[in-house]
Amino acid sequence: MKTYKFKTNINCSGCVAGVTPFLNKLEGINWKVDIDNPEKTLTVEGEEISEEEILKAVKKAGFEIESQNS
């Protein structure tokens, strides 16, 4: 399973609720946002998902996102 990490501006439970429908449309992934982390880290795990698909979904939801994957 691939794991991706992203720095975001998803910083409260309301923001998580706002991004949820967009990330839930992506098939076969598990995701969570650590809103207690200063970088508001979004972690996504899945087999057949690309980093680009995740970036697009979060941006479409109206949030900033930056890859932390090297």
N, C-alpha and C. Protein backbone atom coordinates (compact mmCIF):
# COMPACT_ATOMS: atom_id res chain seq x y z
N MET A 1 0.83 -1.18 0.00
CA MET A 1 0.00 0.00 0.00
C MET A 1 0.88 1.25 0.00
N LYS A 2 0.56 2.20 -0.84
CA LYS A 2 1.30 3.45 -0.91
C LYS A 2 0.76 4.42 0.14
N THR A 3 1.67 5.20 0.72
CA THR A 3 1.28 6.24 1.67
C THR A 3 1.80 7.57 1.18
N TYR A 4 0.90 8.55 1.13
CA TYR A 4 1.25 9.91 0.72
C TYR A 4 0.99 10.84 1.88
N LYS A 5 1.85 11.86 2.04
CA LYS A 5 1.66 12.87 3.08
C LYS A 5 1.69 14.25 2.42
N PHE A 6 0.81 15.12 2.92
CA PHE A 6 0.68 16.45 2.36
C PHE A 6 0.53 17.48 3.48
N LYS A 7 1.12 18.65 3.28
CA LYS A 7 0.91 19.80 4.15
C LYS A 7 -0.33 20.52 3.61
N THR A 8 -1.28 20.86 4.50
CA THR A 8 -2.53 21.49 4.06
C THR A 8 -2.89 22.67 4.96
N ASN A 9 -3.98 23.34 4.61
CA ASN A 9 -4.54 24.36 5.50
C ASN A 9 -5.90 23.89 6.03
N ILE A 10 -6.09 22.58 6.11
CA ILE A 10 -7.29 21.97 6.68
C ILE A 10 -7.07 21.97 8.20
N ASN A 11 -7.63 22.98 8.90
CA ASN A 11 -7.20 23.18 10.28
C ASN A 11 -8.27 23.03 11.36
N CYS A 12 -9.46 22.56 11.00
CA CYS A 12 -10.49 22.37 12.02
C CYS A 12 -11.46 21.27 11.56
N SER A 13 -12.34 20.87 12.46
CA SER A 13 -13.28 19.80 12.11
C SER A 13 -14.22 20.25 11.00
N GLY A 14 -14.54 21.53 10.94
CA GLY A 14 -15.37 22.04 9.84
C GLY A 14 -14.68 21.92 8.50
N CYS A 15 -13.38 22.17 8.49
CA CYS A 15 -12.59 22.02 7.26
C CYS A 15 -12.54 20.55 6.84
N VAL A 16 -12.35 19.67 7.81
CA VAL A 16 -12.33 18.23 7.52
C VAL A 16 -13.67 17.82 6.90
N ALA A 17 -14.76 18.34 7.46
CA ALA A 17 -16.08 18.03 6.91
C ALA A 17 -16.22 18.56 5.49
N GLY A 18 -15.59 19.71 5.20
CA GLY A 18 -15.66 20.28 3.86
C GLY A 18 -14.91 19.47 2.82
N VAL A 19 -13.79 18.87 3.20
CA VAL A 19 -12.98 18.12 2.25
C VAL A 19 -13.42 16.66 2.14
N THR A 20 -14.16 16.18 3.14
CA THR A 20 -14.57 14.77 3.18
C THR A 20 -15.26 14.29 1.90
N PRO A 21 -16.28 14.98 1.37
CA PRO A 21 -16.93 14.44 0.17
C PRO A 21 -16.00 14.33 -1.03
N PHE A 22 -15.02 15.23 -1.11
CA PHE A 22 -14.09 15.21 -2.24
C PHE A 22 -13.11 14.04 -2.13
N LEU A 23 -12.60 13.79 -0.93
CA LEU A 23 -11.68 12.66 -0.75
C LEU A 23 -12.41 11.33 -0.77
N ASN A 24 -13.65 11.31 -0.31
CA ASN A 24 -14.41 10.06 -0.31
C ASN A 24 -14.80 9.62 -1.73
N LYS A 25 -14.76 10.53 -2.69
CA LYS A 25 -15.02 10.17 -4.09
C LYS A 25 -13.87 9.36 -4.69
N LEU A 26 -12.69 9.46 -4.09
CA LEU A 26 -11.53 8.72 -4.57
C LEU A 26 -11.65 7.29 -4.05
N GLU A 27 -11.67 6.35 -4.98
CA GLU A 27 -11.90 4.93 -4.65
C GLU A 27 -10.68 4.28 -4.00
N GLY A 28 -10.93 3.43 -3.03
CA GLY A 28 -9.90 2.56 -2.49
C GLY A 28 -8.85 3.23 -1.65
N ILE A 29 -9.20 4.34 -0.97
CA ILE A 29 -8.20 4.99 -0.12
C ILE A 29 -8.70 5.10 1.31
N ASN A 30 -7.76 5.23 2.22
CA ASN A 30 -8.00 5.61 3.60
C ASN A 30 -7.26 6.91 3.81
N TRP A 31 -7.88 7.85 4.50
CA TRP A 31 -7.23 9.13 4.70
C TRP A 31 -7.56 9.70 6.07
N LYS A 32 -6.69 10.59 6.54
CA LYS A 32 -6.94 11.31 7.79
C LYS A 32 -6.13 12.60 7.77
N VAL A 33 -6.63 13.59 8.50
CA VAL A 33 -5.93 14.87 8.64
C VAL A 33 -5.58 15.04 10.11
N ASP A 34 -4.31 15.31 10.37
CA ASP A 34 -3.85 15.58 11.73
C ASP A 34 -3.94 17.08 11.97
N ILE A 35 -5.09 17.55 12.48
CA ILE A 35 -5.27 19.00 12.67
C ILE A 35 -4.50 19.52 13.88
N ASP A 36 -3.96 18.63 14.70
CA ASP A 36 -3.13 19.04 15.84
C ASP A 36 -1.69 19.31 15.42
N ASN A 37 -1.28 18.78 14.28
CA ASN A 37 0.06 18.99 13.75
C ASN A 37 0.13 20.40 13.15
N PRO A 38 1.19 21.17 13.40
CA PRO A 38 1.28 22.53 12.84
C PRO A 38 1.19 22.56 11.30
N GLU A 39 1.56 21.48 10.65
CA GLU A 39 1.51 21.43 9.18
C GLU A 39 0.18 20.87 8.67
N LYS A 40 -0.74 20.54 9.60
CA LYS A 40 -2.07 20.03 9.23
C LYS A 40 -1.94 18.91 8.21
N THR A 41 -1.19 17.90 8.58
CA THR A 41 -0.80 16.83 7.66
C THR A 41 -1.97 15.93 7.27
N LEU A 42 -2.15 15.82 5.96
CA LEU A 42 -3.10 14.87 5.38
C LEU A 42 -2.31 13.63 4.99
N THR A 43 -2.73 12.48 5.50
CA THR A 43 -2.11 11.21 5.16
C THR A 43 -3.13 10.39 4.38
N VAL A 44 -2.70 9.90 3.21
CA VAL A 44 -3.58 9.10 2.35
C VAL A 44 -2.88 7.78 2.06
N GLU A 45 -3.60 6.67 2.25
CA GLU A 45 -3.09 5.34 1.93
C GLU A 45 -3.99 4.71 0.89
N GLY A 46 -3.38 4.09 -0.11
CA GLY A 46 -4.15 3.41 -1.14
C GLY A 46 -3.23 2.75 -2.14
N GLU A 47 -3.77 1.83 -2.90
CA GLU A 47 -2.98 1.10 -3.89
C GLU A 47 -2.99 1.78 -5.24
N GLU A 48 -4.17 2.13 -5.72
CA GLU A 48 -4.28 2.62 -7.09
C GLU A 48 -4.71 4.07 -7.12
N ILE A 49 -3.94 4.91 -6.43
CA ILE A 49 -4.23 6.34 -6.39
C ILE A 49 -2.93 7.08 -6.70
N SER A 50 -3.05 8.17 -7.43
CA SER A 50 -1.86 8.96 -7.72
C SER A 50 -1.84 10.21 -6.85
N GLU A 51 -0.67 10.72 -6.64
CA GLU A 51 -0.51 11.95 -5.87
C GLU A 51 -1.31 13.08 -6.53
N GLU A 52 -1.30 13.11 -7.85
CA GLU A 52 -2.00 14.16 -8.61
C GLU A 52 -3.51 14.12 -8.34
N GLU A 53 -4.09 12.94 -8.26
CA GLU A 53 -5.53 12.82 -7.99
C GLU A 53 -5.88 13.40 -6.62
N ILE A 54 -5.03 13.17 -5.64
CA ILE A 54 -5.26 13.68 -4.29
C ILE A 54 -5.14 15.20 -4.29
N LEU A 55 -4.09 15.72 -4.93
CA LEU A 55 -3.89 17.17 -5.01
C LEU A 55 -5.11 17.85 -5.65
N LYS A 56 -5.59 17.30 -6.74
CA LYS A 56 -6.75 17.87 -7.44
C LYS A 56 -7.99 17.86 -6.56
N ALA A 57 -8.24 16.77 -5.86
CA ALA A 57 -9.44 16.65 -5.03
C ALA A 57 -9.44 17.68 -3.91
N VAL A 58 -8.30 17.87 -3.25
CA VAL A 58 -8.23 18.82 -2.14
C VAL A 58 -8.34 20.25 -2.64
N LYS A 59 -7.69 20.55 -3.76
CA LYS A 59 -7.79 21.90 -4.34
C LYS A 59 -9.21 22.19 -4.79
N LYS A 60 -9.88 21.20 -5.34
CA LYS A 60 -11.27 21.35 -5.78
C LYS A 60 -12.18 21.67 -4.59
N ALA A 61 -11.83 21.13 -3.41
CA ALA A 61 -12.59 21.40 -2.19
C ALA A 61 -12.30 22.81 -1.65
N GLY A 62 -11.31 23.48 -2.22
CA GLY A 62 -11.00 24.86 -1.82
C GLY A 62 -9.90 25.00 -0.80
N PHE A 63 -9.08 23.98 -0.64
CA PHE A 63 -8.00 24.02 0.34
C PHE A 63 -6.64 24.03 -0.35
N GLU A 64 -5.65 24.53 0.38
CA GLU A 64 -4.27 24.50 -0.09
C GLU A 64 -3.66 23.16 0.28
N ILE A 65 -2.80 22.67 -0.60
CA ILE A 65 -2.16 21.38 -0.34
C ILE A 65 -0.79 21.38 -1.00
N GLU A 66 0.18 20.81 -0.29
CA GLU A 66 1.56 20.74 -0.78
C GLU A 66 2.11 19.36 -0.46
N SER A 67 2.71 18.74 -1.43
CA SER A 67 3.26 17.40 -1.23
C SER A 67 4.42 17.40 -0.25
N GLN A 68 4.48 16.40 0.60
CA GLN A 68 5.62 16.16 1.48
C GLN A 68 6.32 14.87 1.09
N ASN A 69 5.99 14.35 -0.09
CA ASN A 69 6.56 13.09 -0.55
C ASN A 69 7.84 13.38 -1.33
N SER A 70 8.84 12.56 -1.11
CA SER A 70 10.09 12.78 -1.81
C SER A 70 10.36 11.70 -2.81
